[in-house]
Protein backbone atom coordinates (compact mmCIF):
# COMPACT_ATOMS: atom_id res chain seq x y z
CA MET A 1 23.04 200.94 106.09
CA SER A 2 26.44 199.66 107.18
CA VAL A 3 27.96 196.45 105.82
CA GLU A 4 27.34 194.71 109.14
CA LEU A 5 23.66 195.68 109.19
CA TRP A 6 23.19 194.61 105.56
CA THR A 7 24.89 191.32 106.43
CA ILE A 8 22.54 190.69 109.34
CA VAL A 9 19.53 191.39 107.09
CA ILE A 10 20.61 189.30 104.07
CA VAL A 11 22.15 186.43 106.03
CA GLY A 12 19.18 186.45 108.40
CA LEU A 13 16.70 186.24 105.50
CA SER A 14 18.66 183.41 103.87
CA PHE A 15 18.75 181.51 107.16
CA LEU A 16 15.01 181.94 107.58
CA ILE A 17 14.54 180.45 104.10
CA TYR A 18 16.73 177.46 105.02
CA LEU A 19 14.89 176.92 108.29
CA TYR A 20 11.48 177.15 106.60
CA ILE A 21 12.49 174.65 103.91
CA GLY A 22 13.86 172.31 106.57
CA TRP A 23 10.61 172.50 108.51
CA ARG A 24 8.41 171.96 105.44
CA SER A 25 10.58 169.03 104.28
CA ARG A 26 10.63 167.11 107.56
CA VAL A 27 10.34 163.36 107.03
CA LYS A 28 9.33 160.29 109.00
CA ASP A 29 10.55 157.35 106.91
CA SER A 30 14.07 156.18 106.09
CA GLU A 31 13.74 156.59 102.30
CA GLY A 32 12.84 160.24 102.75
CA PHE A 33 15.61 160.76 105.29
CA PHE A 34 18.41 159.06 103.33
CA VAL A 35 17.49 159.48 99.62
CA ALA A 36 14.70 162.14 99.57
CA GLU A 37 12.11 159.48 98.58
CA ARG A 38 13.92 159.21 95.19
CA GLY A 39 11.60 161.90 93.87
CA VAL A 40 13.82 164.92 93.19
CA PRO A 41 13.40 166.40 89.65
CA SER A 42 16.52 166.41 87.46
CA ILE A 43 17.00 170.18 87.31
CA ALA A 44 16.50 170.55 91.08
CA ASN A 45 18.92 167.71 91.74
CA GLY A 46 21.38 169.37 89.37
CA ALA A 47 21.23 172.60 91.39
CA ALA A 48 21.46 170.71 94.68
CA THR A 49 24.42 168.69 93.39
CA ALA A 50 26.17 171.87 92.27
CA ALA A 51 25.65 173.47 95.69
CA ASP A 52 26.70 170.27 97.46
CA TRP A 53 29.85 169.99 95.37
CA MET A 54 30.79 173.70 95.22
CA SER A 55 31.79 174.00 98.82
CA ALA A 56 33.51 176.75 100.78
CA ALA A 57 36.64 175.62 98.95
CA SER A 58 35.08 176.58 95.61
CA PHE A 59 33.41 179.80 96.74
CA ILE A 60 35.79 181.14 99.36
CA SER A 61 39.14 179.48 98.85
CA MET A 62 39.61 178.50 95.19
CA ALA A 63 39.87 182.04 93.85
CA GLY A 64 42.29 182.79 96.67
CA LEU A 65 44.42 179.80 95.74
CA ILE A 66 44.49 180.83 92.08
CA SER A 67 45.14 184.45 93.04
CA PHE A 68 48.23 183.43 95.03
CA MET A 69 49.42 180.62 92.76
CA GLY A 70 48.65 182.19 89.39
CA TYR A 71 48.75 179.72 86.49
CA ASP A 72 49.55 176.81 88.83
CA GLY A 73 46.20 177.36 90.53
CA SER A 74 44.54 175.94 87.43
CA ILE A 75 45.10 172.49 88.94
CA TYR A 76 42.00 173.09 91.06
CA LEU A 77 39.92 174.11 88.05
CA MET A 78 41.05 171.13 85.97
CA GLY A 79 40.94 168.61 88.79
CA TRP A 80 37.55 169.45 90.26
CA THR A 81 35.69 170.05 87.00
CA GLY A 82 37.33 167.13 85.21
CA GLY A 83 36.49 164.89 88.13
CA TYR A 84 32.85 165.84 88.01
CA VAL A 85 32.71 164.99 84.30
CA LEU A 86 34.32 161.64 85.11
CA LEU A 87 31.73 160.99 87.82
CA ALA A 88 28.78 162.08 85.69
CA LEU A 89 29.69 160.04 82.61
CA LEU A 90 31.44 156.99 84.05
CA LEU A 91 29.93 156.27 87.45
CA ALA A 92 26.67 158.05 88.28
CA PRO A 93 24.25 156.19 85.95
CA TYR A 94 25.55 152.78 87.03
CA LEU A 95 25.42 153.64 90.72
CA ARG A 96 21.84 154.90 90.36
CA LYS A 97 20.89 151.68 88.57
CA PHE A 98 22.35 149.70 91.46
CA GLY A 99 19.73 151.48 93.56
CA LYS A 100 21.23 151.69 97.05
CA TYR A 101 21.29 154.45 99.66
CA THR A 102 25.02 155.09 100.11
CA VAL A 103 28.49 154.33 98.74
CA PRO A 104 29.22 151.85 101.57
CA ASP A 105 25.88 150.22 100.68
CA PHE A 106 27.13 149.73 97.11
CA VAL A 107 30.50 148.41 98.32
CA GLY A 108 28.91 146.05 100.85
CA ASP A 109 26.46 144.50 98.37
CA ARG A 110 28.74 144.49 95.33
CA TYR A 111 31.52 142.82 97.30
CA TYR A 112 29.08 140.63 99.29
CA SER A 113 30.83 141.40 102.56
CA ASN A 114 29.98 143.28 105.74
CA LEU A 115 33.71 143.70 106.34
CA ALA A 116 33.97 145.52 103.00
CA ARG A 117 30.98 147.60 104.07
CA LEU A 118 32.70 148.51 107.35
CA VAL A 119 35.92 149.50 105.59
CA ALA A 120 33.88 151.70 103.24
CA VAL A 121 32.08 153.23 106.23
CA ILE A 122 35.42 154.06 107.87
CA ALA A 123 36.66 155.60 104.62
CA ALA A 124 33.43 157.62 104.21
CA ILE A 125 33.66 158.99 107.73
CA PHE A 126 37.37 159.75 107.33
CA VAL A 127 36.82 161.60 104.03
CA SER A 128 33.70 163.43 105.19
CA LEU A 129 35.14 164.63 108.51
CA THR A 130 38.23 165.96 106.72
CA TYR A 131 36.06 167.69 104.15
CA VAL A 132 33.58 169.13 106.63
CA ALA A 133 36.42 170.69 108.66
CA GLY A 134 37.05 173.05 105.75
CA GLN A 135 33.38 173.97 105.52
CA MET A 136 33.05 174.85 109.18
CA ARG A 137 36.20 176.96 109.04
CA GLY A 138 34.69 178.79 106.07
CA VAL A 139 31.57 179.50 108.11
CA GLY A 140 33.68 180.80 110.98
CA ILE A 141 35.67 183.12 108.70
CA VAL A 142 32.53 184.72 107.25
CA PHE A 143 30.93 185.27 110.65
CA SER A 144 34.14 186.55 112.23
CA ARG A 145 34.42 189.37 109.71
CA PHE A 146 30.86 190.34 108.93
CA LEU A 147 29.26 189.84 112.33
CA GLN A 148 32.40 190.81 114.24
CA VAL A 149 32.38 187.63 116.32
CA ASP A 150 35.15 185.19 117.12
CA ILE A 151 35.76 182.52 114.44
CA ASN A 152 34.87 179.79 116.96
CA THR A 153 31.56 181.50 117.72
CA GLY A 154 30.85 181.65 113.99
CA VAL A 155 31.45 177.90 113.72
CA VAL A 156 28.92 177.25 116.48
CA ILE A 157 26.28 179.44 114.78
CA GLY A 158 26.78 177.51 111.56
CA MET A 159 26.47 174.20 113.42
CA VAL A 160 23.09 175.19 114.82
CA ILE A 161 21.67 176.21 111.42
CA VAL A 162 22.91 173.11 109.61
CA GLY A 163 21.75 170.87 112.43
CA PHE A 164 18.19 172.15 112.21
CA PHE A 165 17.40 171.33 108.59
CA ALA A 166 19.65 168.24 108.48
CA VAL A 167 18.11 166.63 111.56
CA LEU A 168 14.50 167.46 110.65
CA GLY A 169 14.43 166.87 106.92
CA GLY A 170 17.34 164.52 106.27
CA MET A 171 18.20 164.28 102.56
CA LYS A 172 14.85 165.73 101.53
CA GLY A 173 15.33 168.87 103.61
CA ILE A 174 18.99 169.13 102.62
CA THR A 175 18.16 168.79 98.90
CA TRP A 176 15.65 171.61 98.71
CA THR A 177 17.75 173.79 100.99
CA GLN A 178 20.69 173.24 98.65
CA VAL A 179 18.60 174.38 95.68
CA ALA A 180 18.01 177.69 97.47
CA GLN A 181 21.65 177.86 98.52
CA TYR A 182 22.84 177.42 94.94
CA CYS A 183 20.71 180.35 93.79
CA ILE A 184 22.16 182.55 96.55
CA LEU A 185 25.78 181.53 96.10
CA ILE A 186 25.87 181.89 92.31
CA VAL A 187 24.28 185.36 92.39
CA ALA A 188 26.66 186.36 95.18
CA TYR A 189 29.65 185.17 93.13
CA LEU A 190 28.65 186.73 89.83
CA ILE A 191 27.69 190.23 90.96
CA PRO A 192 31.13 191.28 92.31
CA ALA A 193 32.86 189.51 89.40
CA ILE A 194 30.78 191.49 86.91
CA ALA A 195 31.30 194.73 88.85
CA LEU A 196 35.07 194.24 88.94
CA ALA A 197 35.15 193.33 85.25
CA VAL A 198 33.43 196.62 84.43
CA LEU A 199 35.66 198.66 86.77
CA LEU A 200 38.96 197.19 85.54
CA THR A 201 38.25 196.46 81.86
CA GLY A 202 34.93 198.04 80.89
CA ASN A 203 33.60 194.60 79.84
CA PRO A 204 30.69 193.29 81.94
CA ILE A 205 31.29 189.61 81.13
CA PRO A 206 34.07 188.37 83.45
CA GLN A 207 35.16 185.51 81.19
CA LEU A 208 35.56 187.80 78.18
CA ALA A 209 37.14 190.57 80.24
CA PHE A 210 39.68 188.08 81.56
CA THR A 211 40.47 186.71 78.08
CA PHE A 212 40.47 189.74 75.79
CA SER A 213 41.60 192.67 77.96
CA ASP A 214 45.13 193.69 78.91
CA ILE A 215 44.58 193.01 82.63
CA ALA A 216 46.85 189.92 82.51
CA ASP A 217 49.70 191.89 80.98
CA LYS A 218 49.32 194.64 83.57
CA LEU A 219 49.33 192.14 86.44
CA ASN A 220 52.32 190.29 85.02
CA GLN A 221 54.29 193.54 84.91
CA ILE A 222 53.31 194.45 88.47
CA GLN A 223 54.32 190.99 89.70
CA VAL A 224 57.74 191.25 88.02
CA ASP A 225 58.28 194.77 89.40
CA LEU A 226 57.63 193.45 92.92
CA GLY A 227 60.00 190.52 92.53
CA PHE A 228 57.39 187.82 91.90
CA LYS A 229 57.23 185.56 88.87
CA GLU A 230 54.72 186.48 86.16
CA TYR A 231 51.16 185.64 87.20
CA THR A 232 50.57 183.58 84.05
CA GLN A 233 53.92 181.73 84.15
CA ALA A 234 53.49 177.97 84.61
CA PHE A 235 55.09 175.72 87.22
CA VAL A 236 56.38 178.53 89.42
CA ASN A 237 55.03 177.27 92.73
CA LYS A 238 55.03 173.51 92.08
CA PRO A 239 57.07 171.07 89.97
CA MET A 240 55.33 169.58 86.96
CA ILE A 241 54.97 166.11 88.51
CA ASP A 242 53.23 167.56 91.57
CA VAL A 243 50.86 169.56 89.35
CA LEU A 244 50.00 166.33 87.52
CA PHE A 245 49.50 164.31 90.70
CA ILE A 246 47.37 166.96 92.41
CA THR A 247 45.19 167.36 89.31
CA LEU A 248 44.63 163.59 89.06
CA ALA A 249 44.01 163.27 92.81
CA LEU A 250 41.37 166.00 92.68
CA MET A 251 39.83 164.43 89.57
CA ILE A 252 39.45 160.84 90.77
CA GLY A 253 38.80 162.11 94.29
CA THR A 254 35.80 164.04 92.99
CA ALA A 255 34.53 160.89 91.29
CA GLY A 256 34.79 159.07 94.62
CA LEU A 257 33.23 161.64 96.94
CA PRO A 258 30.41 159.91 98.84
CA HIS A 259 28.36 163.08 99.48
CA VAL A 260 28.26 163.86 95.73
CA ILE A 261 27.59 160.27 94.63
CA VAL A 262 24.63 159.96 97.00
CA ARG A 263 22.91 162.83 95.18
CA PHE A 264 22.33 160.52 92.20
CA TYR A 265 20.38 158.13 94.42
CA THR A 266 17.71 160.80 95.01
CA VAL A 267 16.31 160.94 91.44
CA PRO A 268 13.54 158.66 90.13
CA SER A 269 15.52 156.82 87.42
CA VAL A 270 18.82 156.22 85.64
CA ARG A 271 17.77 158.64 82.89
CA SER A 272 17.05 161.30 85.51
CA ALA A 273 20.51 160.71 86.96
CA ARG A 274 22.07 161.45 83.58
CA PHE A 275 19.99 164.59 83.08
CA SER A 276 20.69 165.87 86.59
CA ALA A 277 24.42 165.33 85.98
CA GLY A 278 24.15 167.51 82.88
CA TRP A 279 22.29 170.25 84.73
CA ALA A 280 24.81 170.15 87.56
CA LEU A 281 27.70 170.49 85.12
CA LEU A 282 26.08 173.59 83.60
CA PHE A 283 25.47 175.14 87.02
CA ILE A 284 29.04 174.34 88.11
CA ALA A 285 30.52 175.76 84.89
CA ILE A 286 28.96 179.16 85.57
CA LEU A 287 31.07 179.58 88.71
CA TYR A 288 34.17 177.74 87.55
CA THR A 289 34.58 179.77 84.37
CA THR A 290 34.19 182.94 86.44
CA ALA A 291 36.75 181.98 89.11
CA PRO A 292 39.95 182.60 87.05
CA ALA A 293 38.70 186.06 86.12
CA LEU A 294 37.76 186.96 89.69
CA SER A 295 41.14 185.66 90.92
CA MET A 296 43.06 187.91 88.55
CA PHE A 297 40.85 190.94 89.23
CA ALA A 298 41.22 190.40 92.99
CA ARG A 299 45.02 190.05 92.82
CA TYR A 300 45.36 193.22 90.74
CA ASN A 301 42.99 195.16 92.98
CA LEU A 302 44.66 193.97 96.18
CA ILE A 303 48.19 194.89 95.11
CA THR A 304 47.24 198.31 93.77
CA SER A 305 45.23 199.06 96.94
CA LEU A 306 47.86 198.09 99.53
CA HIS A 307 51.37 197.99 98.11
CA ASN A 308 53.53 201.03 98.87
CA GLN A 309 50.73 202.77 100.74
CA THR A 310 51.61 204.55 103.96
CA VAL A 311 50.70 202.89 107.23
CA GLU A 312 48.41 205.82 108.02
CA GLU A 313 46.56 205.44 104.69
CA VAL A 314 46.00 201.74 105.26
CA ARG A 315 44.85 202.31 108.84
CA GLN A 316 42.15 204.61 107.50
CA LEU A 317 40.68 201.81 105.38
CA ASP A 318 37.66 200.45 107.23
CA TRP A 319 37.81 197.06 105.53
CA ALA A 320 41.51 196.63 106.36
CA ASN A 321 40.94 197.38 110.04
CA LYS A 322 38.06 194.93 110.31
CA TRP A 323 39.85 192.10 108.49
CA GLU A 324 42.92 192.74 110.63
CA LYS A 325 40.81 192.04 113.72
CA THR A 326 40.10 188.54 112.40
CA LYS A 327 43.90 187.92 112.30
CA LEU A 328 43.56 186.86 108.65
CA LEU A 329 45.16 190.10 107.46
CA ALA A 330 48.25 191.60 109.08
CA PHE A 331 50.53 194.60 108.49
CA GLU A 332 54.05 195.16 109.83
CA ASP A 333 56.33 198.00 108.79
CA LYS A 334 59.55 195.98 109.13
CA ASN A 335 61.93 198.52 107.63
CA GLY A 336 60.36 201.48 109.42
CA ASP A 337 59.93 203.62 106.29
CA GLY A 338 56.26 204.29 107.00
CA ARG A 339 55.11 202.36 103.91
CA LEU A 340 53.91 198.80 103.42
CA GLN A 341 55.53 196.59 100.79
CA LEU A 342 54.33 193.29 99.35
CA THR A 343 57.32 191.11 98.46
CA PRO A 344 57.96 187.40 97.79
CA SER A 345 60.40 187.14 100.73
CA LYS A 346 59.06 186.41 104.19
CA ASP A 347 61.84 188.49 105.71
CA THR A 348 60.87 191.67 103.86
CA ASN A 349 57.16 191.18 103.16
CA GLU A 350 55.05 193.57 105.25
CA ILE A 351 51.54 192.52 104.17
CA THR A 352 50.30 189.08 105.24
CA ILE A 353 47.07 187.93 103.61
CA ASP A 354 45.21 184.70 104.34
CA ARG A 355 44.14 183.09 101.06
CA ASP A 356 40.65 182.45 102.40
CA ILE A 357 39.76 186.15 102.56
CA ILE A 358 40.38 187.02 98.88
CA VAL A 359 36.82 186.50 97.61
CA LEU A 360 35.18 187.85 100.75
CA ALA A 361 37.34 190.97 100.95
CA THR A 362 37.46 191.85 97.25
CA PRO A 363 34.05 193.64 97.10
CA GLU A 364 35.12 195.84 100.02
CA ILE A 365 38.51 196.57 98.48
CA ALA A 366 36.76 197.56 95.23
CA LYS A 367 34.40 199.82 97.24
CA LEU A 368 31.27 198.09 96.00
CA ALA A 369 27.90 198.79 97.62
CA PRO A 370 27.42 197.45 101.18
CA TRP A 371 24.57 195.17 100.08
CA VAL A 372 26.89 193.50 97.53
CA ILE A 373 29.46 192.86 100.26
CA ALA A 374 26.75 191.38 102.47
CA LEU A 375 25.46 189.24 99.61
CA VAL A 376 28.95 187.76 99.12
CA ALA A 377 28.99 186.86 102.82
CA ALA A 378 25.62 185.12 102.42
CA GLY A 379 26.96 183.30 99.36
CA GLY A 380 30.01 182.08 101.23
CA LEU A 381 27.80 180.78 104.01
CA ALA A 382 25.47 179.10 101.50
CA ALA A 383 28.41 177.32 99.87
CA ALA A 384 29.82 176.12 103.17
CA LEU A 385 26.52 175.10 104.76
CA SER A 386 25.22 173.28 101.67
CA THR A 387 28.26 171.02 101.51
CA ALA A 388 28.46 170.62 105.29
CA SER A 389 24.88 169.35 105.39
CA GLY A 390 25.55 166.79 102.65
CA LEU A 391 28.67 165.57 104.41
CA LEU A 392 26.89 165.25 107.73
CA LEU A 393 24.23 163.09 106.12
CA VAL A 394 26.93 160.84 104.62
CA ILE A 395 28.42 160.30 108.07
CA SER A 396 24.97 159.77 109.55
CA SER A 397 23.79 157.34 106.89
CA SER A 398 27.09 155.44 106.94
CA ILE A 399 26.56 154.65 110.61
CA ALA A 400 22.75 154.53 110.87
CA HIS A 401 22.05 152.67 107.62
CA ASP A 402 25.21 150.75 106.76
CA VAL A 403 26.29 149.76 110.26
CA TYR A 404 23.23 149.86 112.49
CA TYR A 405 20.54 148.67 110.05
CA ARG A 406 22.56 146.47 107.70
CA ILE A 407 24.74 144.80 110.37
CA VAL A 408 23.61 145.43 113.96
CA ASP A 409 19.79 145.37 113.75
CA PRO A 410 18.40 144.37 110.33
CA GLN A 411 14.90 144.23 111.83
CA ALA A 412 14.91 147.86 112.98
CA SER A 413 11.69 149.77 112.31
CA GLU A 414 11.46 152.86 110.08
CA GLN A 415 11.10 155.10 113.12
CA LYS A 416 14.14 153.63 114.84
CA ARG A 417 16.30 153.95 111.69
CA VAL A 418 15.36 157.60 111.26
CA PHE A 419 15.94 158.24 114.98
CA VAL A 420 19.41 156.71 114.83
CA GLY A 421 20.11 158.75 111.69
CA ARG A 422 19.16 161.98 113.45
CA VAL A 423 21.27 161.14 116.49
CA MET A 424 24.23 160.46 114.21
CA VAL A 425 23.74 163.83 112.48
CA GLY A 426 23.95 165.50 115.88
CA LEU A 427 27.11 163.64 116.88
CA SER A 428 28.68 164.27 113.48
CA LEU A 429 27.89 167.96 113.88
CA VAL A 430 29.81 168.10 117.15
CA ALA A 431 32.83 166.43 115.49
CA ALA A 432 32.57 168.82 112.54
CA GLY A 433 32.47 171.79 114.90
CA TYR A 434 35.61 170.59 116.67
CA PHE A 435 37.53 170.36 113.41
CA GLY A 436 36.16 173.73 112.34
CA VAL A 437 37.55 175.28 115.52
CA ASN A 438 40.84 173.36 115.21
CA PRO A 439 41.37 173.06 111.42
CA PRO A 440 44.45 171.25 110.06
CA GLY A 441 44.98 173.92 107.37
CA PHE A 442 43.27 176.61 105.30
CA VAL A 443 39.97 175.72 103.61
CA GLY A 444 41.20 174.76 100.16
CA GLU A 445 44.11 172.75 101.56
CA VAL A 446 41.94 170.77 103.97
CA VAL A 447 39.45 169.97 101.21
CA ALA A 448 42.30 168.83 98.93
CA PHE A 449 43.27 166.29 101.60
CA ALA A 450 39.72 164.92 101.56
CA PHE A 451 39.86 164.48 97.79
CA GLY A 452 43.12 162.56 98.14
CA LEU A 453 41.59 160.23 100.69
CA ALA A 454 38.52 159.67 98.49
CA ALA A 455 40.76 158.99 95.49
CA SER A 456 42.85 156.40 97.30
CA SER A 457 39.94 154.57 98.94
CA PHE A 458 36.65 154.75 97.04
CA PHE A 459 37.40 155.37 93.38
CA PRO A 460 39.23 152.08 92.63
CA ALA A 461 36.60 150.05 94.50
CA ILE A 462 33.76 151.72 92.60
CA ILE A 463 35.33 151.63 89.14
CA LEU A 464 36.38 147.99 89.44
CA GLY A 465 33.05 147.12 91.05
CA ILE A 466 31.25 148.36 87.95
CA PHE A 467 33.59 147.32 85.15
CA ASP A 468 35.42 144.21 86.41
CA LYS A 469 33.23 141.31 87.49
CA ARG A 470 36.32 139.34 88.57
CA THR A 471 37.12 141.76 91.41
CA ASN A 472 36.18 140.08 94.68
CA SER A 473 35.66 141.11 98.28
CA THR A 474 39.15 140.10 99.43
CA GLY A 475 40.78 142.24 96.78
CA ALA A 476 38.51 145.23 97.41
CA ILE A 477 39.09 145.16 101.18
CA ALA A 478 42.86 144.82 100.77
CA GLY A 479 42.95 147.61 98.19
CA MET A 480 40.82 150.10 100.15
CA LEU A 481 42.77 149.55 103.36
CA THR A 482 46.13 149.80 101.62
CA GLY A 483 45.24 152.95 99.71
CA LEU A 484 43.63 154.70 102.68
CA ILE A 485 46.39 153.83 105.15
CA PHE A 486 49.22 154.76 102.78
CA THR A 487 47.67 158.10 101.83
CA SER A 488 46.79 158.99 105.42
CA ILE A 489 50.30 158.23 106.68
CA TYR A 490 51.89 160.28 103.89
CA ILE A 491 49.58 163.28 104.46
CA ILE A 492 50.03 163.23 108.24
CA GLY A 493 53.79 162.72 107.92
CA VAL A 494 54.36 165.51 105.41
CA LYS A 495 51.93 168.09 106.81
CA PHE A 496 52.09 167.53 110.56
CA VAL A 497 55.22 165.52 111.44
CA GLY A 498 57.77 167.19 109.21
CA MET A 499 58.53 164.20 107.01
CA PRO A 500 59.96 165.17 103.60
CA ALA A 501 57.85 164.64 100.48
CA TRP A 502 59.90 161.59 99.58
CA PHE A 503 57.99 160.47 96.47
CA PHE A 504 59.65 162.69 93.84
CA GLY A 505 58.56 165.80 95.71
CA VAL A 506 54.83 165.05 95.36
CA SER A 507 52.92 167.06 97.99
CA ALA A 508 50.38 165.80 100.48
CA GLU A 509 47.61 167.22 98.27
CA GLY A 510 48.71 165.06 95.34
CA ILE A 511 49.67 161.79 97.01
CA GLY A 512 46.10 160.47 96.68
CA THR A 513 46.95 159.65 93.04
CA LEU A 514 49.68 157.24 94.11
CA GLY A 515 47.37 155.86 96.80
CA ALA A 516 44.73 155.16 94.15
CA ILE A 517 47.29 153.42 91.90
CA ILE A 518 48.43 151.26 94.82
CA ASN A 519 44.79 150.48 95.63
CA LEU A 520 44.07 149.45 92.04
CA ILE A 521 47.13 147.20 91.82
CA VAL A 522 46.52 145.52 95.19
CA THR A 523 42.80 145.00 94.42
CA TRP A 524 43.46 143.54 90.99
CA VAL A 525 46.32 141.25 92.09
CA VAL A 526 44.62 139.96 95.26
CA SER A 527 41.36 139.36 93.36
CA ARG A 528 43.22 137.25 90.78
CA LEU A 529 45.01 135.25 93.48
CA SER A 530 41.82 134.40 95.37
CA ALA A 531 38.45 132.85 94.58
CA PRO A 532 36.21 134.67 92.07
CA PRO A 533 33.00 136.34 93.23
CA PRO A 534 29.82 134.21 93.39
CA VAL A 535 28.03 133.65 90.09
CA GLU A 536 25.09 135.83 91.12
CA ILE A 537 27.44 138.78 91.85
CA GLN A 538 29.09 138.41 88.45
CA ALA A 539 25.65 138.35 86.84
CA LEU A 540 24.69 141.47 88.82
CA VAL A 541 27.75 143.31 87.46
CA GLU A 542 26.93 142.22 83.92
CA ASN A 543 23.36 143.47 84.35
CA LEU A 544 24.61 146.75 85.82
CA ARG A 545 26.29 147.63 82.52
CA THR A 546 23.40 146.48 80.33
CA PRO A 547 21.03 149.27 79.21
CA ASP A 548 17.59 148.74 80.66
CA LEU A 549 14.29 149.28 78.83
CA GLU A 550 14.18 152.96 79.78
CA ASP A 551 17.66 153.53 78.31
CA LYS A 552 16.77 151.75 75.06
CA GLN A 553 13.60 153.81 74.68
CA ALA A 554 15.56 157.04 75.24
CA VAL A 555 18.14 156.04 72.61
CA ALA A 556 15.39 155.12 70.12
CA THR A 557 13.70 158.48 70.69
CA LEU A 558 16.96 160.33 70.01
CA GLU A 559 17.62 158.29 66.85
CA ASN A 560 14.13 159.00 65.53
């Protein structure tokens, strides 16, 4: 069968699985809709968390970023994985013990203020809409190539699928769908990585092939011959300070992502939250240790397949023709010599490659079996849809639970709360579709913006809310607003208005670190200059950090 037919079969089967799970997991009460009845087993929650967190940016775009940036691309590996460790060890158990539905719920109750809750809701919506734009673009890219439809049409198809299981099952449906999506995406990522490792090095384990073969030396030499810097040379694309700021922004941004934090509210206990964090880290590590290898294999394969080939030879490549139709791959024989050259100069480069197609196109370039190519497409869709569904629920719950139920109508019935939640999912889906059709950048870049916004708004409020009982509502509100506004203005100014990166050359992707520092300083100073929190709030914070009976029993068991 052709690649397109295999894609229809495999993607169709995966979608049927998602729809079936969504139908079987439909809920009627608010606890099931918002936190999956707090009954998700640790290992299942770990898989769901991994799928929720490893978005289209991880599956589709990260390897492309590393492939283009070389060593400097490691900022995404260090930032995203380090951030998850920070979240799992420092925040997740305490947030689960607090026992709320959402991050704005935590902020509103910890800072005893509906205004703080509203600011957190605005930040959650801001972060989630930015993040979900990248996911919907990822969906559109996959559909545009493998189903030969327009990218915008692909976005609409993805909206319909996500809407079905998110509206029906809420967090319960999303959770079990994400478990299935993790299984699909990790298999889809590993198979081509293993195949390429065997083809290029003879070693079937990508991590070992990447580390112990001579593939890096070969690629470095090719890069130098073409006029590029060595692939493994550090700080070629970005100055050291920007690398540091982006890494930190991704790290603390990960720890402040509302759609990942909410996953720890779905397990039965604090101990389950810790175990699910461990499982998630294992599941995430499988993909993230494979990504550097796949990036290098893809870069080597791409250059050797296209550079210095005649225009006629390239036109005979089926995969090149089909990707060219998506406008994500372009060829132009600028010097008229009949051959295509890949160079670092825009004036002489004749091969234009969108970073988001690297992972999706690599199996075709390597001439792997059509079913493998189709499986990668299904994996890319699974990664994008799993994260998109989690983000949509964050937006929905922020409005339906934190605004409507907690502020507007505290007496609302279970049925009305779930109804409002479902309506909000639908409206959020429309907004997500718009940003997917009109994205502000490529997938990985858009997602990096979301991490910066999360870093500058949520992380300081959460960390101080847990570990500093003196932090009050006035300080938290001032800090969140200052951090969010500063970071948003800098990102918009640098990326869309043409403003120079005035803070020591730090890019829009890294400015969230400075926003978080400003947030922390403003929160701490304003809290010290105003009245302390009520006694009961200070006692609540003290209790939050005190091991409960379950924790003590677990420690005693380990000691014995």
